[in-house]
Amino acid sequence: MTRADTPTNPRTIARRATAAARERRADKVAPGWWVFSHGPNLLGSWTEVTTTTRYRDGNRPMVRMTVTDPATGRTATVETAAGMPAWCLTPTEARRAGLT
C-alpha cells in the first residue's frame, strides 16, 4: 500500500474499518486492538483498546476494557460479558483500514 492509497477522509476510514471488522468474543480482544464503541462517552466510533481486565461477577465471566478515542483523546471503560460479540480489528487490520 502506498501513501496515495491511505485514506484521509474520516468517513472513508470508518467505512473501510467497518468492512474489515470481524465479530469476535469480547474476551479475545487484546490491548492494541480496535473496537467499535458507543455509549454516553463515545458516540459510535472506532476506539483503541488500551487495557483489558477479566473478572467474574458472581458466576458470570466479564471483561472490562479501557478504550481511547483517538479523535478526541477521551478514554472510557467498557464492561461486557466475556462471551458477548465485539466488532473489532487487530492492529494490522486497523492499519490497513487507515485508523492508525
Protein backbone atom coordinates (compact mmCIF):
# COMPACT_ATOMS: atom_id res chain seq x y z
CA MET A 1 0.00 0.00 0.00
CA THR A 2 1.43 3.37 -0.99
CA ARG A 3 0.87 6.69 0.75
CA ALA A 4 -1.60 7.63 -2.02
CA ASP A 5 -3.68 4.55 -1.16
CA THR A 6 -4.01 5.58 2.50
CA PRO A 7 -7.43 7.16 3.10
CA THR A 8 -7.59 10.51 4.89
CA ASN A 9 -11.32 11.23 4.80
CA PRO A 10 -12.80 10.16 8.18
CA ARG A 11 -15.91 8.72 6.51
CA THR A 12 -13.80 6.64 4.12
CA ILE A 13 -11.69 5.38 7.01
CA ALA A 14 -14.80 4.45 9.01
CA ARG A 15 -16.28 2.63 6.01
CA ARG A 16 -13.07 0.67 5.40
CA ALA A 17 -12.79 -0.21 9.09
CA THR A 18 -16.39 -1.41 9.20
CA ALA A 19 -15.87 -3.54 6.10
CA ALA A 20 -12.73 -5.13 7.58
CA ALA A 21 -14.15 -5.68 11.07
CA ARG A 22 -14.95 -9.10 12.41
CA GLU A 23 -17.21 -10.14 15.21
CA ARG A 24 -15.17 -11.86 17.90
CA ARG A 25 -15.80 -12.79 21.51
CA ALA A 26 -15.05 -9.89 23.86
CA ASP A 27 -12.61 -11.98 25.90
CA LYS A 28 -10.43 -12.48 22.78
CA VAL A 29 -9.82 -8.71 22.36
CA ALA A 30 -6.33 -7.59 23.42
CA PRO A 31 -4.67 -4.21 24.03
CA GLY A 32 -3.76 -2.55 20.73
CA TRP A 33 -6.88 -3.85 19.02
CA TRP A 34 -9.64 -1.51 17.88
CA VAL A 35 -13.32 -1.94 18.80
CA PHE A 36 -16.46 -0.13 17.73
CA SER A 37 -17.77 1.53 20.89
CA HIS A 38 -20.85 3.54 21.65
CA GLY A 39 -22.39 4.91 24.80
CA PRO A 40 -22.65 8.10 26.82
CA ASN A 41 -18.94 8.91 26.48
CA LEU A 42 -18.34 7.55 22.99
CA LEU A 43 -20.73 8.47 20.22
CA GLY A 44 -20.35 5.42 17.99
CA SER A 45 -16.72 5.45 16.95
CA TRP A 46 -13.69 3.22 16.50
CA THR A 47 -11.61 3.24 19.68
CA GLU A 48 -8.27 1.68 20.54
CA VAL A 49 -8.18 -0.77 23.44
CA THR A 50 -5.52 0.26 25.97
CA THR A 51 -6.15 -2.30 28.75
CA THR A 52 -8.27 -5.39 29.29
CA THR A 53 -9.21 -7.00 32.58
CA ARG A 54 -11.01 -10.29 33.01
CA TYR A 55 -13.04 -10.82 36.17
CA ARG A 56 -16.08 -12.66 37.49
CA ASP A 57 -19.38 -11.09 38.51
CA GLY A 58 -20.78 -13.91 40.60
CA ASN A 59 -20.61 -16.89 38.23
CA ARG A 60 -20.53 -14.75 35.09
CA PRO A 61 -17.15 -14.14 33.38
CA MET A 62 -16.80 -10.49 32.43
CA VAL A 63 -14.35 -8.27 30.52
CA ARG A 64 -13.53 -4.64 31.31
CA MET A 65 -11.77 -2.71 28.54
CA THR A 66 -10.32 0.78 28.73
CA VAL A 67 -10.62 2.37 25.31
CA THR A 68 -9.35 5.64 23.84
CA ASP A 69 -10.97 7.64 21.06
CA PRO A 70 -8.02 8.98 19.04
CA ALA A 71 -10.04 11.82 17.53
CA THR A 72 -10.94 13.37 20.89
CA GLY A 73 -8.43 11.77 23.27
CA ARG A 74 -11.29 10.66 25.51
CA THR A 75 -10.96 7.44 27.44
CA ALA A 76 -13.84 5.30 28.61
CA THR A 77 -14.40 1.96 30.28
CA VAL A 78 -16.47 -0.68 28.54
CA GLU A 79 -17.74 -3.67 30.51
CA THR A 80 -19.40 -6.68 28.94
CA ALA A 81 -19.89 -10.40 29.39
CA ALA A 82 -16.87 -12.36 28.15
CA GLY A 83 -18.90 -14.28 25.57
CA MET A 84 -20.60 -11.26 24.03
CA PRO A 85 -19.62 -10.28 20.48
CA ALA A 86 -17.36 -7.29 19.84
CA TRP A 87 -16.82 -5.75 16.41
CA CYS A 88 -13.07 -5.39 16.34
CA LEU A 89 -9.91 -5.06 14.28
CA THR A 90 -6.43 -6.34 15.00
CA PRO A 91 -3.64 -3.72 14.83
CA THR A 92 -2.73 -4.89 11.30
CA GLU A 93 -6.35 -4.68 10.10
CA ALA A 94 -6.70 -1.21 11.67
CA ARG A 95 -3.56 -0.01 9.90
CA ARG A 96 -4.84 -1.30 6.53
CA ALA A 97 -8.18 0.45 7.11
CA GLY A 98 -6.40 3.74 7.88
CA LEU A 99 -7.20 4.03 11.60
CA THR A 100 -3.53 4.28 12.58
